[in-house]
Amino acid sequence: MEQHEQRRETHAIILDFLQNGYPFDRRPAHIKTSIAHGLGVTKFALLELVPNKDVKLQPFQRVYIGDEEASRDLIHHVTGRIGMNKLTQTARSELPHAIKAVVEDREQEFVAFFNKAQPMSTRMHALELLPGVGKKHMKEILEAREEKPFASFEDLKVRVKTLADPKKVVIQRILNEIEGKEKHCLFVR
C-alpha cells in the first residue's frame, strides 16, 4: 500500500448527489449549493464535495478532486472529510459497492498485503486483523505464500481453501475501518 502515500485524495467515487443541497438546510434555494458525498479511491476518505455550477453527478461516477484546477471539470472544491453519521442513506447503501469497485481496481495492492503481511507482535499477525481470519487461516496463508506468492484473489481462494472469499474479507475490513469499528487501520488512512 506504500505507493498511495500522497497527502490528499486525487479521485473520488460519487456515493450520492444532492442537487438542491441538504434537505435540512433552511436557507433559500438560490443560496444553497449542490452537494455530493464521495469515497476517496486511495485512502478511502469519506468526503463532502461541491460540484461546479449546473453539473449533475451520478452514483459510482469517478471524479477528479486533485489540486490541478484546470483538470477539475466536475468538482468545484472539497469541503472536507465527513463521518459515517453525516452520510445520506443513499451514500451509506452505496458505500460497500464503491469499496468493492476500488478493491477490484487495486486488486494487486490488496493481494500484496496477503503476500507481505507481517506479525504485529509475538501473539498477533496482521492477517488475523481480517474478518474471519484466525490462527488456522493465518498459518495456511503463510504456508501457501512461502511456496509461491499469490497472484490474485482467485489464486488465494484456490490455494487457501478454508478461507472465505478474500475479496469480501478485504471489503468488509475496509468498511469496518471506515465505520470506526477497528482499533488498527490496515487500509484506511
C-alpha atoms as a PDB file:
ATOM      1  CA  MET A   1       0.000   0.000   0.000  1.00  0.00           C
ATOM      2  CA  GLU A   2       3.079   2.248   0.165  1.00  0.00           C
ATOM      3  CA  GLN A   3       2.578   3.755  -3.279  1.00  0.00           C
ATOM      4  CA  HIS A   4      -0.506   5.681  -2.135  1.00  0.00           C
ATOM      5  CA  GLU A   5       1.127   7.970   0.414  1.00  0.00           C
ATOM      6  CA  GLN A   6       0.305  11.314  -1.199  1.00  0.00           C
ATOM      7  CA  ARG A   7      -1.183  13.934   1.122  1.00  0.00           C
ATOM      8  CA  ARG A   8      -4.645  14.175  -0.402  1.00  0.00           C
ATOM      9  CA  GLU A   9      -7.071  12.162  -2.430  1.00  0.00           C
ATOM     10  CA  THR A  10      -6.961  12.961  -6.146  1.00  0.00           C
ATOM     11  CA  HIS A  11     -10.026  10.989  -7.244  1.00  0.00           C
ATOM     12  CA  ALA A  12     -13.325  10.063  -5.634  1.00  0.00           C
ATOM     13  CA  ILE A  13     -16.271   7.839  -6.427  1.00  0.00           C
ATOM     14  CA  ILE A  14     -19.619   9.573  -6.028  1.00  0.00           C
ATOM     15  CA  LEU A  15     -21.864   7.905  -3.441  1.00  0.00           C
ATOM     16  CA  ASP A  16     -24.765  10.362  -3.559  1.00  0.00           C
ATOM     17  CA  PHE A  17     -25.617  13.658  -5.259  1.00  0.00           C
ATOM     18  CA  LEU A  18     -27.923  16.207  -3.636  1.00  0.00           C
ATOM     19  CA  GLN A  19     -28.744  18.630  -6.433  1.00  0.00           C
ATOM     20  CA  ASN A  20     -30.575  21.020  -4.100  1.00  0.00           C
ATOM     21  CA  GLY A  21     -28.206  20.669  -1.162  1.00  0.00           C
ATOM     22  CA  TYR A  22     -29.119  19.138   2.163  1.00  0.00           C
ATOM     23  CA  PRO A  23     -32.881  18.900   2.837  1.00  0.00           C
ATOM     24  CA  PHE A  24     -32.372  20.181   6.408  1.00  0.00           C
ATOM     25  CA  ASP A  25     -30.620  23.347   5.125  1.00  0.00           C
ATOM     26  CA  ARG A  26     -33.230  26.079   5.703  1.00  0.00           C
ATOM     27  CA  ARG A  27     -31.521  28.720   3.566  1.00  0.00           C
ATOM     28  CA  PRO A  28     -33.352  29.980   0.475  1.00  0.00           C
ATOM     29  CA  ALA A  29     -32.944  27.778  -2.623  1.00  0.00           C
ATOM     30  CA  HIS A  30     -30.935  30.410  -4.543  1.00  0.00           C
ATOM     31  CA  ILE A  31     -28.238  30.371  -1.824  1.00  0.00           C
ATOM     32  CA  LYS A  32     -27.946  26.582  -1.458  1.00  0.00           C
ATOM     33  CA  THR A  33     -25.334  24.675  -3.433  1.00  0.00           C
ATOM     34  CA  SER A  34     -25.386  21.137  -4.723  1.00  0.00           C
ATOM     35  CA  ILE A  35     -23.557  18.646  -2.536  1.00  0.00           C
ATOM     36  CA  ALA A  36     -22.070  15.253  -3.292  1.00  0.00           C
ATOM     37  CA  HIS A  37     -20.801  12.567  -0.959  1.00  0.00           C
ATOM     38  CA  GLY A  38     -17.803  10.688  -2.257  1.00  0.00           C
ATOM     39  CA  LEU A  39     -15.297   7.998  -1.356  1.00  0.00           C
ATOM     40  CA  GLY A  40     -11.634   8.752  -1.961  1.00  0.00           C
ATOM     41  CA  VAL A  41     -10.062   6.000  -4.036  1.00  0.00           C
ATOM     42  CA  THR A  42      -6.615   5.938  -2.393  1.00  0.00           C
ATOM     43  CA  LYS A  43      -7.233   6.449   1.330  1.00  0.00           C
ATOM     44  CA  PHE A  44     -10.945   5.583   1.484  1.00  0.00           C
ATOM     45  CA  ALA A  45     -11.786   9.001   2.937  1.00  0.00           C
ATOM     46  CA  LEU A  46     -15.470   9.935   3.085  1.00  0.00           C
ATOM     47  CA  LEU A  47     -15.702  13.378   1.503  1.00  0.00           C
ATOM     48  CA  GLU A  48     -18.215  16.168   1.080  1.00  0.00           C
ATOM     49  CA  LEU A  49     -17.812  17.659  -2.399  1.00  0.00           C
ATOM     50  CA  VAL A  50     -19.250  20.772  -4.020  1.00  0.00           C
ATOM     51  CA  PRO A  51     -19.810  20.290  -7.762  1.00  0.00           C
ATOM     52  CA  ASN A  52     -19.355  23.052 -10.308  1.00  0.00           C
ATOM     53  CA  LYS A  53     -22.470  25.025 -11.189  1.00  0.00           C
ATOM     54  CA  ASP A  54     -25.000  23.115 -13.341  1.00  0.00           C
ATOM     55  CA  VAL A  55     -23.073  19.820 -13.004  1.00  0.00           C
ATOM     56  CA  LYS A  56     -25.145  16.720 -12.353  1.00  0.00           C
ATOM     57  CA  LEU A  57     -23.333  13.724 -10.890  1.00  0.00           C
ATOM     58  CA  GLN A  58     -24.278  10.046 -10.845  1.00  0.00           C
ATOM     59  CA  PRO A  59     -23.546   7.389  -8.223  1.00  0.00           C
ATOM     60  CA  PHE A  60     -20.307   5.495  -8.991  1.00  0.00           C
ATOM     61  CA  GLN A  61     -19.088   8.289 -11.251  1.00  0.00           C
ATOM     62  CA  ARG A  62     -15.354   8.768 -10.776  1.00  0.00           C
ATOM     63  CA  VAL A  63     -14.346  12.420 -10.408  1.00  0.00           C
ATOM     64  CA  TYR A  64     -11.038  14.260 -10.174  1.00  0.00           C
ATOM     65  CA  ILE A  65     -10.653  16.210  -6.918  1.00  0.00           C
ATOM     66  CA  GLY A  66      -6.915  16.934  -7.005  1.00  0.00           C
ATOM     67  CA  ASP A  67      -5.099  20.257  -6.809  1.00  0.00           C
ATOM     68  CA  GLU A  68      -4.935  20.979 -10.553  1.00  0.00           C
ATOM     69  CA  GLU A  69      -7.927  23.293 -11.021  1.00  0.00           C
ATOM     70  CA  ALA A  70      -7.754  23.035 -14.820  1.00  0.00           C
ATOM     71  CA  SER A  71      -8.404  19.286 -14.551  1.00  0.00           C
ATOM     72  CA  ARG A  72     -11.256  19.688 -12.059  1.00  0.00           C
ATOM     73  CA  ASP A  73     -14.113  19.981 -14.539  1.00  0.00           C
ATOM     74  CA  LEU A  74     -16.862  18.489 -12.328  1.00  0.00           C
ATOM     75  CA  ILE A  75     -15.926  19.331  -8.738  1.00  0.00           C
ATOM     76  CA  HIS A  76     -15.504  22.939  -7.613  1.00  0.00           C
ATOM     77  CA  HIS A  77     -13.983  22.065  -4.252  1.00  0.00           C
ATOM     78  CA  VAL A  78     -13.817  19.534  -1.459  1.00  0.00           C
ATOM     79  CA  THR A  79     -15.494  20.821   1.677  1.00  0.00           C
ATOM     80  CA  GLY A  80     -13.681  18.205   3.743  1.00  0.00           C
ATOM     81  CA  ARG A  81     -13.885  14.801   5.331  1.00  0.00           C
ATOM     82  CA  ILE A  82     -17.168  13.682   6.815  1.00  0.00           C
ATOM     83  CA  GLY A  83     -18.121  10.911   9.196  1.00  0.00           C
ATOM     84  CA  MET A  84     -20.426   7.978   8.536  1.00  0.00           C
ATOM     85  CA  ASN A  85     -23.101   9.730  10.592  1.00  0.00           C
ATOM     86  CA  LYS A  86     -23.256  12.588   8.091  1.00  0.00           C
ATOM     87  CA  LEU A  87     -23.658  10.378   5.010  1.00  0.00           C
ATOM     88  CA  THR A  88     -27.086  10.228   3.419  1.00  0.00           C
ATOM     89  CA  GLN A  89     -28.918   6.909   3.484  1.00  0.00           C
ATOM     90  CA  THR A  90     -28.229   6.510  -0.237  1.00  0.00           C
ATOM     91  CA  ALA A  91     -24.499   7.126   0.274  1.00  0.00           C
ATOM     92  CA  ARG A  92     -24.401   4.558   3.091  1.00  0.00           C
ATOM     93  CA  SER A  93     -26.088   1.935   0.948  1.00  0.00           C
ATOM     94  CA  GLU A  94     -23.729   2.623  -1.996  1.00  0.00           C
ATOM     95  CA  LEU A  95     -20.564   2.621   0.131  1.00  0.00           C
ATOM     96  CA  PRO A  96     -19.926  -1.178   0.086  1.00  0.00           C
ATOM     97  CA  HIS A  97     -20.356  -1.220  -3.718  1.00  0.00           C
ATOM     98  CA  ALA A  98     -17.900   1.678  -4.137  1.00  0.00           C
ATOM     99  CA  ILE A  99     -15.385  -0.038  -1.850  1.00  0.00           C
ATOM    100  CA  LYS A 100     -15.769  -3.205  -3.926  1.00  0.00           C
ATOM    101  CA  ALA A 101     -15.059  -1.231  -7.129  1.00  0.00           C
ATOM    102  CA  VAL A 102     -11.894   0.282  -5.627  1.00  0.00           C
ATOM    103  CA  VAL A 103     -10.693  -3.089  -4.306  1.00  0.00           C
ATOM    104  CA  GLU A 104     -11.226  -4.645  -7.741  1.00  0.00           C
ATOM    105  CA  ASP A 105      -9.344  -1.763  -9.428  1.00  0.00           C
ATOM    106  CA  ARG A 106      -6.445  -2.094  -6.982  1.00  0.00           C
ATOM    107  CA  GLU A 107      -6.535  -5.889  -6.601  1.00  0.00           C
ATOM    108  CA  GLN A 108      -2.752  -6.310  -6.876  1.00  0.00           C
ATOM    109  CA  GLU A 109      -2.151  -3.998  -3.889  1.00  0.00           C
ATOM    110  CA  PHE A 110      -4.547  -5.945  -1.691  1.00  0.00           C
ATOM    111  CA  VAL A 111      -3.157  -9.299  -2.836  1.00  0.00           C
ATOM    112  CA  ALA A 112       0.295  -7.893  -1.973  1.00  0.00           C
ATOM    113  CA  PHE A 113      -0.987  -7.395   1.580  1.00  0.00           C
ATOM    114  CA  PHE A 114      -1.597 -11.158   1.823  1.00  0.00           C
ATOM    115  CA  ASN A 115       1.892 -11.755   0.394  1.00  0.00           C
ATOM    116  CA  LYS A 116       3.748  -9.313   2.647  1.00  0.00           C
ATOM    117  CA  ALA A 117       1.788  -9.001   5.923  1.00  0.00           C
ATOM    118  CA  GLN A 118       4.000  -9.418   8.981  1.00  0.00           C
ATOM    119  CA  PRO A 119       3.454 -10.155  12.682  1.00  0.00           C
ATOM    120  CA  MET A 120       2.361  -7.142  14.719  1.00  0.00           C
ATOM    121  CA  SER A 121       3.532  -8.690  17.988  1.00  0.00           C
ATOM    122  CA  THR A 122       4.569 -12.090  19.319  1.00  0.00           C
ATOM    123  CA  ARG A 123       0.896 -13.012  19.691  1.00  0.00           C
ATOM    124  CA  MET A 124      -0.803 -11.276  16.755  1.00  0.00           C
ATOM    125  CA  HIS A 125      -0.236 -11.312  12.997  1.00  0.00           C
ATOM    126  CA  ALA A 126      -1.597  -8.571  10.714  1.00  0.00           C
ATOM    127  CA  LEU A 127      -3.507 -11.228   8.749  1.00  0.00           C
ATOM    128  CA  GLU A 128      -5.538 -12.003  11.894  1.00  0.00           C
ATOM    129  CA  LEU A 129      -6.993  -8.495  11.764  1.00  0.00           C
ATOM    130  CA  LEU A 130      -9.016  -9.508   8.705  1.00  0.00           C
ATOM    131  CA  PRO A 131     -12.604 -10.580   9.482  1.00  0.00           C
ATOM    132  CA  GLY A 132     -12.891 -14.348   9.833  1.00  0.00           C
ATOM    133  CA  VAL A 133      -9.134 -14.968   9.726  1.00  0.00           C
ATOM    134  CA  GLY A 134      -7.854 -16.779  12.789  1.00  0.00           C
ATOM    135  CA  LYS A 135      -4.646 -18.619  13.625  1.00  0.00           C
ATOM    136  CA  LYS A 136      -5.566 -21.603  11.416  1.00  0.00           C
ATOM    137  CA  HIS A 137      -6.246 -19.449   8.317  1.00  0.00           C
ATOM    138  CA  MET A 138      -3.171 -17.345   9.003  1.00  0.00           C
ATOM    139  CA  LYS A 139      -0.915 -20.422   9.102  1.00  0.00           C
ATOM    140  CA  GLU A 140      -2.415 -21.735   5.854  1.00  0.00           C
ATOM    141  CA  ILE A 141      -1.889 -18.346   4.159  1.00  0.00           C
ATOM    142  CA  LEU A 142       1.723 -18.157   5.391  1.00  0.00           C
ATOM    143  CA  GLU A 143       2.491 -21.702   4.205  1.00  0.00           C
ATOM    144  CA  ALA A 144       0.889 -21.128   0.792  1.00  0.00           C
ATOM    145  CA  ARG A 145       2.669 -17.813   0.198  1.00  0.00           C
ATOM    146  CA  GLU A 146       6.004 -19.382   1.156  1.00  0.00           C
ATOM    147  CA  GLU A 147       5.621 -21.843  -1.723  1.00  0.00           C
ATOM    148  CA  LYS A 148       4.780 -19.057  -4.165  1.00  0.00           C
ATOM    149  CA  PRO A 149       3.356 -15.521  -3.771  1.00  0.00           C
ATOM    150  CA  PHE A 150      -0.335 -15.138  -4.517  1.00  0.00           C
ATOM    151  CA  ALA A 151      -1.089 -13.718  -7.968  1.00  0.00           C
ATOM    152  CA  SER A 152      -4.738 -12.721  -7.469  1.00  0.00           C
ATOM    153  CA  PHE A 153      -7.741 -13.060  -5.168  1.00  0.00           C
ATOM    154  CA  GLU A 154      -8.762 -16.096  -7.205  1.00  0.00           C
ATOM    155  CA  ASP A 155      -5.335 -17.680  -6.707  1.00  0.00           C
ATOM    156  CA  LEU A 156      -5.603 -17.014  -2.976  1.00  0.00           C
ATOM    157  CA  LYS A 157      -9.084 -18.528  -2.868  1.00  0.00           C
ATOM    158  CA  VAL A 158      -7.934 -21.684  -4.702  1.00  0.00           C
ATOM    159  CA  ARG A 159      -4.751 -22.222  -2.672  1.00  0.00           C
ATOM    160  CA  VAL A 160      -6.209 -21.444   0.781  1.00  0.00           C
ATOM    161  CA  LYS A 161      -9.390 -23.488   0.580  1.00  0.00           C
ATOM    162  CA  THR A 162     -10.645 -22.818   4.116  1.00  0.00           C
ATOM    163  CA  LEU A 163     -10.532 -19.039   3.659  1.00  0.00           C
ATOM    164  CA  ALA A 164     -13.787 -17.352   2.704  1.00  0.00           C
ATOM    165  CA  ASP A 165     -13.757 -15.097  -0.378  1.00  0.00           C
ATOM    166  CA  PRO A 166     -10.620 -12.956   0.216  1.00  0.00           C
ATOM    167  CA  LYS A 167     -12.032 -10.019  -1.761  1.00  0.00           C
ATOM    168  CA  LYS A 168     -15.103  -9.923   0.503  1.00  0.00           C
ATOM    169  CA  VAL A 169     -12.855 -10.197   3.569  1.00  0.00           C
ATOM    170  CA  VAL A 170     -10.867  -7.126   2.458  1.00  0.00           C
ATOM    171  CA  ILE A 171     -14.038  -5.166   1.575  1.00  0.00           C
ATOM    172  CA  GLN A 172     -15.547  -5.929   4.990  1.00  0.00           C
ATOM    173  CA  ARG A 173     -12.337  -4.893   6.754  1.00  0.00           C
ATOM    174  CA  ILE A 174     -12.263  -1.568   4.885  1.00  0.00           C
ATOM    175  CA  LEU A 175     -15.936  -0.943   5.694  1.00  0.00           C
ATOM    176  CA  ASN A 176     -15.273  -1.715   9.388  1.00  0.00           C
ATOM    177  CA  GLU A 177     -12.333   0.705   9.389  1.00  0.00           C
ATOM    178  CA  ILE A 178     -14.385   3.487   7.777  1.00  0.00           C
ATOM    179  CA  GLU A 179     -17.158   2.916  10.332  1.00  0.00           C
ATOM    180  CA  GLY A 180     -14.602   3.230  13.152  1.00  0.00           C
ATOM    181  CA  LYS A 181     -15.096  -0.342  14.372  1.00  0.00           C
ATOM    182  CA  GLU A 182     -11.406  -1.254  14.260  1.00  0.00           C
ATOM    183  CA  LYS A 183      -8.575  -0.297  16.602  1.00  0.00           C
ATOM    184  CA  HIS A 184      -5.870  -0.739  13.938  1.00  0.00           C
ATOM    185  CA  CYS A 185      -6.273   0.535  10.367  1.00  0.00           C
ATOM    186  CA  LEU A 186      -4.745  -1.610   7.637  1.00  0.00           C
ATOM    187  CA  PHE A 187      -6.183   0.089   4.577  1.00  0.00           C
ATOM    188  CA  VAL A 188      -7.936   3.345   5.581  1.00  0.00           C
ATOM    189  CA  ARG A 189      -5.908   6.454   6.361  1.00  0.00           C
END
